[in-house]
Amino acid sequence: MHVPHGGLIVVLVLVAVFTAVQADSFTTSRNLLNVLRQISVTAVVAAGLTLLMTAGGMDFSMGSNAAVTVSVAAQLLHDGWSTAATVLVTLLLATLIGLVNGLVVTFTRVAPFVATLATAMLLDGVALLVLNGMSVSIGDKMTTLGNSEILGIPYLLIVAVLVLALTGLTMRFTTFGRDALAMVGNEHVARLSGINVSGRKLALYALTGVLAGLAGLMLLSPLGAAAPNTGAHAGAGRSPP
């Protein structure tokens, strides 16, 4: 029986077993819950990258986009904005950043690698500027998302599972997902087949942006504060120091 990515799964299991044997504290319920919360942020970023890479794209700025989201959200909440308004504004901002990436990649000859890496470096500076190089606290706002559980399952993990499930269903059962798969083979042929390649690419980069923003909010919620290096924990997509 063939198991997709069976080798990677085996390696992951071996690493987990080795870590559990070497450190007694690894398998405690408290630590496992913390690990689940941390990987939930990375999982959301990975979902966005998976959709984009399926269509042959790439976005190295997702982590930096999340860093900007963390910084802006922390400043708005610190200044007295409501949580709902902050979430809406920051997700729109993250979507706009993704859309700008899409416009550059789609309508210029700049390679996705170069364009999004440049965006990542720019966004790192924006995040630092927004926070003015200082740590900003949001008090107990958003603590429910970051620290609460239902039946022992962290809310962050539930959000990540829902995002991954929707991503999988989109890729497998929707026209949007099938178009993305068609584009990775040959964009010219996909265009001749009636697929709006430019529109699909813009939508994919915008979706990648909103997922980066969601990851940023998920990262901010358990921390209760934002610092210049907070976005570094957003996982894949962040530019190297």
Protein backbone atom coordinates (compact mmCIF):
# COMPACT_ATOMS: atom_id res chain seq x y z
CA MET A 1 0.00 0.00 0.00
CA HIS A 2 1.42 3.36 -1.07
CA VAL A 3 1.24 6.13 1.53
CA PRO A 4 1.72 9.65 0.13
CA HIS A 5 4.84 11.23 1.62
CA GLY A 6 5.35 8.10 3.72
CA GLY A 7 9.07 8.81 4.11
CA LEU A 8 8.46 12.26 5.59
CA ILE A 9 5.87 10.85 7.98
CA VAL A 10 8.30 8.20 9.19
CA VAL A 11 11.01 10.83 9.77
CA LEU A 12 8.55 13.01 11.69
CA VAL A 13 7.50 10.10 13.90
CA LEU A 14 11.14 9.17 14.59
CA VAL A 15 11.99 12.76 15.55
CA ALA A 16 8.99 12.92 17.91
CA VAL A 17 9.90 9.58 19.54
CA PHE A 18 13.56 10.57 19.93
CA THR A 19 12.60 13.90 21.50
CA ALA A 20 10.13 12.23 23.87
CA VAL A 21 12.80 9.77 25.01
CA GLN A 22 15.47 12.43 25.49
CA ALA A 23 13.30 14.96 27.37
CA ASP A 24 10.78 13.89 30.01
CA SER A 25 8.95 17.19 29.80
CA PHE A 26 8.23 16.79 26.07
CA THR A 27 5.24 14.47 26.49
CA THR A 28 3.54 16.45 29.26
CA SER A 29 0.06 17.67 28.40
CA ARG A 30 1.06 21.30 28.93
CA ASN A 31 3.98 21.07 26.53
CA LEU A 32 2.01 19.18 23.89
CA LEU A 33 -0.70 21.84 23.98
CA ASN A 34 1.94 24.54 23.55
CA VAL A 35 3.42 22.66 20.59
CA LEU A 36 -0.02 22.32 19.01
CA ARG A 37 -0.62 26.06 19.37
CA GLN A 38 2.74 26.87 17.80
CA ILE A 39 2.38 24.54 14.83
CA SER A 40 -1.13 25.85 14.18
CA VAL A 41 0.36 29.17 13.04
CA THR A 42 2.86 27.41 10.77
CA ALA A 43 0.09 25.18 9.39
CA VAL A 44 -1.95 28.19 8.24
CA VAL A 45 1.11 29.67 6.52
CA ALA A 46 1.79 26.28 4.91
CA ALA A 47 -1.77 26.11 3.62
CA GLY A 48 -1.33 29.39 1.78
CA LEU A 49 2.01 28.36 0.33
CA THR A 50 0.59 25.01 -0.77
CA LEU A 51 -2.17 26.68 -2.77
CA LEU A 52 0.28 29.08 -4.37
CA MET A 53 2.95 26.49 -5.16
CA THR A 54 0.29 24.26 -6.69
CA ALA A 55 -0.06 26.92 -9.38
CA GLY A 56 3.71 27.34 -9.75
CA GLY A 57 3.95 30.47 -7.60
CA MET A 58 6.00 31.32 -4.54
CA ASP A 59 5.77 33.84 -1.70
CA PHE A 60 8.75 34.38 0.57
CA SER A 61 7.05 37.32 2.27
CA MET A 62 4.32 35.45 4.17
CA GLY A 63 6.21 35.53 7.46
CA SER A 64 6.97 39.22 7.04
CA ASN A 65 3.34 39.86 6.11
CA ALA A 66 2.37 38.14 9.36
CA ALA A 67 4.90 40.34 11.20
CA VAL A 68 3.23 43.47 9.83
CA THR A 69 -0.16 42.09 10.84
CA VAL A 70 1.10 41.45 14.37
CA SER A 71 2.56 44.95 14.61
CA VAL A 72 -0.45 46.82 13.22
CA ALA A 73 -2.96 44.75 15.23
CA ALA A 74 -1.01 45.31 18.45
CA GLN A 75 -0.85 49.06 17.87
CA LEU A 76 -4.55 49.32 17.05
CA LEU A 77 -5.62 47.28 20.07
CA HIS A 78 -3.23 49.22 22.29
CA ASP A 79 -4.80 52.47 21.00
CA GLY A 80 -8.28 51.30 21.98
CA TRP A 81 -9.67 49.82 18.78
CA SER A 82 -12.19 47.01 19.14
CA THR A 83 -11.03 43.47 18.43
CA ALA A 84 -13.50 43.04 15.54
CA ALA A 85 -12.41 46.24 13.81
CA THR A 86 -8.74 45.37 14.31
CA VAL A 87 -9.17 41.90 12.84
CA LEU A 88 -11.02 43.29 9.82
CA VAL A 89 -8.48 46.05 9.13
CA THR A 90 -5.42 43.83 9.54
CA LEU A 91 -6.83 41.04 7.36
CA LEU A 92 -7.65 43.58 4.65
CA LEU A 93 -4.11 44.96 4.92
CA ALA A 94 -2.58 41.48 4.66
CA THR A 95 -4.78 40.72 1.65
CA LEU A 96 -3.67 43.96 -0.01
CA ILE A 97 -0.02 43.03 0.53
CA GLY A 98 -0.62 39.65 -1.07
CA LEU A 99 -2.45 41.29 -3.96
CA VAL A 100 0.44 43.69 -4.57
CA ASN A 101 2.76 40.69 -4.78
CA GLY A 102 0.38 39.14 -7.26
CA LEU A 103 0.26 42.26 -9.41
CA VAL A 104 4.05 42.47 -9.57
CA VAL A 105 4.48 38.78 -10.38
CA THR A 106 1.61 38.66 -12.88
CA PHE A 107 2.17 41.83 -14.87
CA THR A 108 5.95 42.18 -14.81
CA ARG A 109 8.75 39.81 -15.70
CA VAL A 110 10.08 39.76 -12.14
CA ALA A 111 10.39 36.20 -10.84
CA PRO A 112 8.22 35.35 -7.80
CA PHE A 113 11.36 34.49 -5.84
CA VAL A 114 12.86 37.95 -6.37
CA ALA A 115 9.62 39.93 -6.02
CA THR A 116 8.44 38.34 -2.79
CA LEU A 117 11.90 38.31 -1.23
CA ALA A 118 12.13 42.05 -1.85
CA THR A 119 8.65 42.46 -0.35
CA ALA A 120 9.75 40.49 2.70
CA MET A 121 12.70 42.79 3.31
CA LEU A 122 10.48 45.86 2.91
CA LEU A 123 7.81 44.50 5.26
CA ASP A 124 10.40 43.70 7.92
CA GLY A 125 11.25 47.38 7.97
CA VAL A 126 7.57 48.37 8.05
CA ALA A 127 6.93 46.12 11.06
CA LEU A 128 9.87 47.67 12.89
CA LEU A 129 8.65 51.15 12.01
CA VAL A 130 5.09 50.49 13.18
CA LEU A 131 6.30 49.31 16.58
CA ASN A 132 8.99 52.01 16.73
CA GLY A 133 11.39 49.31 17.87
CA MET A 134 9.45 48.75 21.13
CA SER A 135 7.24 46.04 22.60
CA VAL A 136 3.51 46.82 22.56
CA SER A 137 1.06 45.06 24.88
CA ILE A 138 -2.59 44.33 24.02
CA GLY A 139 -3.61 43.32 27.53
CA ASP A 140 -6.17 40.53 27.69
CA LYS A 141 -7.62 41.20 24.25
CA MET A 142 -7.71 38.14 21.95
CA THR A 143 -6.69 35.85 24.82
CA THR A 144 -9.70 33.64 24.18
CA LEU A 145 -8.44 32.68 20.74
CA GLY A 146 -4.88 32.20 21.90
CA ASN A 147 -5.32 30.36 25.17
CA SER A 148 -8.80 28.82 25.39
CA GLU A 149 -9.73 25.24 24.56
CA ILE A 150 -12.81 23.21 23.74
CA LEU A 151 -12.81 19.60 24.92
CA GLY A 152 -9.09 19.98 25.53
CA ILE A 153 -8.40 21.12 21.96
CA PRO A 154 -6.88 24.62 21.57
CA TYR A 155 -8.91 27.09 19.54
CA LEU A 156 -5.82 27.82 17.46
CA LEU A 157 -5.59 24.17 16.43
CA ILE A 158 -9.27 24.14 15.46
CA VAL A 159 -8.72 27.20 13.25
CA ALA A 160 -5.68 25.55 11.63
CA VAL A 161 -7.53 22.29 10.96
CA LEU A 162 -10.44 24.17 9.38
CA VAL A 163 -8.05 26.13 7.15
CA LEU A 164 -6.22 22.96 6.09
CA ALA A 165 -9.50 21.13 5.43
CA LEU A 166 -10.85 24.00 3.31
CA THR A 167 -7.55 24.15 1.43
CA GLY A 168 -7.65 20.44 0.68
CA LEU A 169 -11.27 20.54 -0.44
CA THR A 170 -10.60 23.58 -2.62
CA MET A 171 -7.66 21.93 -4.35
CA ARG A 172 -9.44 18.65 -4.95
CA PHE A 173 -13.08 19.45 -5.62
CA THR A 174 -13.36 22.99 -7.00
CA THR A 175 -12.78 24.58 -10.38
CA PHE A 176 -10.44 27.04 -8.70
CA GLY A 177 -8.22 24.22 -7.46
CA ARG A 178 -8.23 22.39 -10.78
CA ASP A 179 -7.32 25.60 -12.59
CA ALA A 180 -4.37 26.08 -10.23
CA LEU A 181 -3.14 22.56 -11.00
CA ALA A 182 -3.51 23.21 -14.72
CA MET A 183 -1.49 26.41 -14.49
CA VAL A 184 1.58 24.78 -13.00
CA GLY A 185 2.07 22.61 -16.08
CA ASN A 186 1.92 25.31 -18.73
CA GLU A 187 0.31 28.71 -18.25
CA HIS A 188 0.04 29.29 -21.99
CA VAL A 189 -1.87 26.05 -22.52
CA ALA A 190 -4.04 26.83 -19.49
CA ARG A 191 -4.87 30.23 -20.99
CA LEU A 192 -5.78 28.62 -24.32
CA SER A 193 -8.04 26.23 -22.40
CA GLY A 194 -10.13 29.18 -21.23
CA ILE A 195 -8.59 29.68 -17.78
CA ASN A 196 -8.22 33.28 -16.65
CA VAL A 197 -4.59 32.78 -15.61
CA SER A 198 -3.99 36.37 -14.51
CA GLY A 199 -7.16 36.46 -12.44
CA ARG A 200 -6.37 33.12 -10.81
CA LYS A 201 -2.84 34.21 -9.91
CA LEU A 202 -4.08 37.45 -8.37
CA ALA A 203 -6.67 35.53 -6.37
CA LEU A 204 -4.05 33.05 -5.17
CA TYR A 205 -1.66 35.75 -4.01
CA ALA A 206 -4.50 37.62 -2.29
CA LEU A 207 -5.57 34.41 -0.56
CA THR A 208 -1.98 33.80 0.49
CA GLY A 209 -1.96 37.29 1.96
CA VAL A 210 -5.12 36.82 4.00
CA LEU A 211 -3.81 33.51 5.37
CA ALA A 212 -0.56 35.24 6.34
CA GLY A 213 -2.64 37.86 8.14
CA LEU A 214 -4.65 35.17 9.90
CA ALA A 215 -1.40 33.50 10.98
CA GLY A 216 -0.21 36.83 12.38
CA LEU A 217 -3.37 37.27 14.45
CA MET A 218 -3.08 33.68 15.67
CA LEU A 219 0.50 34.40 16.70
CA LEU A 220 -0.43 37.59 18.54
CA SER A 221 -3.36 36.12 20.47
CA PRO A 222 -1.44 33.85 22.90
CA LEU A 223 1.47 36.26 23.35
CA GLY A 224 -0.58 39.28 24.34
CA ALA A 225 2.12 41.60 23.01
CA ALA A 226 4.13 42.38 19.89
CA ALA A 227 7.86 43.00 19.63
CA PRO A 228 10.09 43.76 16.61
CA ASN A 229 11.03 40.08 16.27
CA THR A 230 7.61 38.57 16.98
CA GLY A 231 6.93 37.81 13.33
CA ALA A 232 9.99 35.56 13.18
CA HIS A 233 7.84 32.86 14.82
CA ALA A 234 5.39 32.87 11.92
CA GLY A 235 7.39 30.15 10.24
CA ALA A 236 7.89 29.69 6.52
CA GLY A 237 8.06 32.61 4.20
CA ARG A 238 10.07 34.98 6.35
CA SER A 239 13.21 36.41 4.94
CA PRO A 240 16.51 35.47 6.53
CA PRO A 241 18.08 37.92 8.99
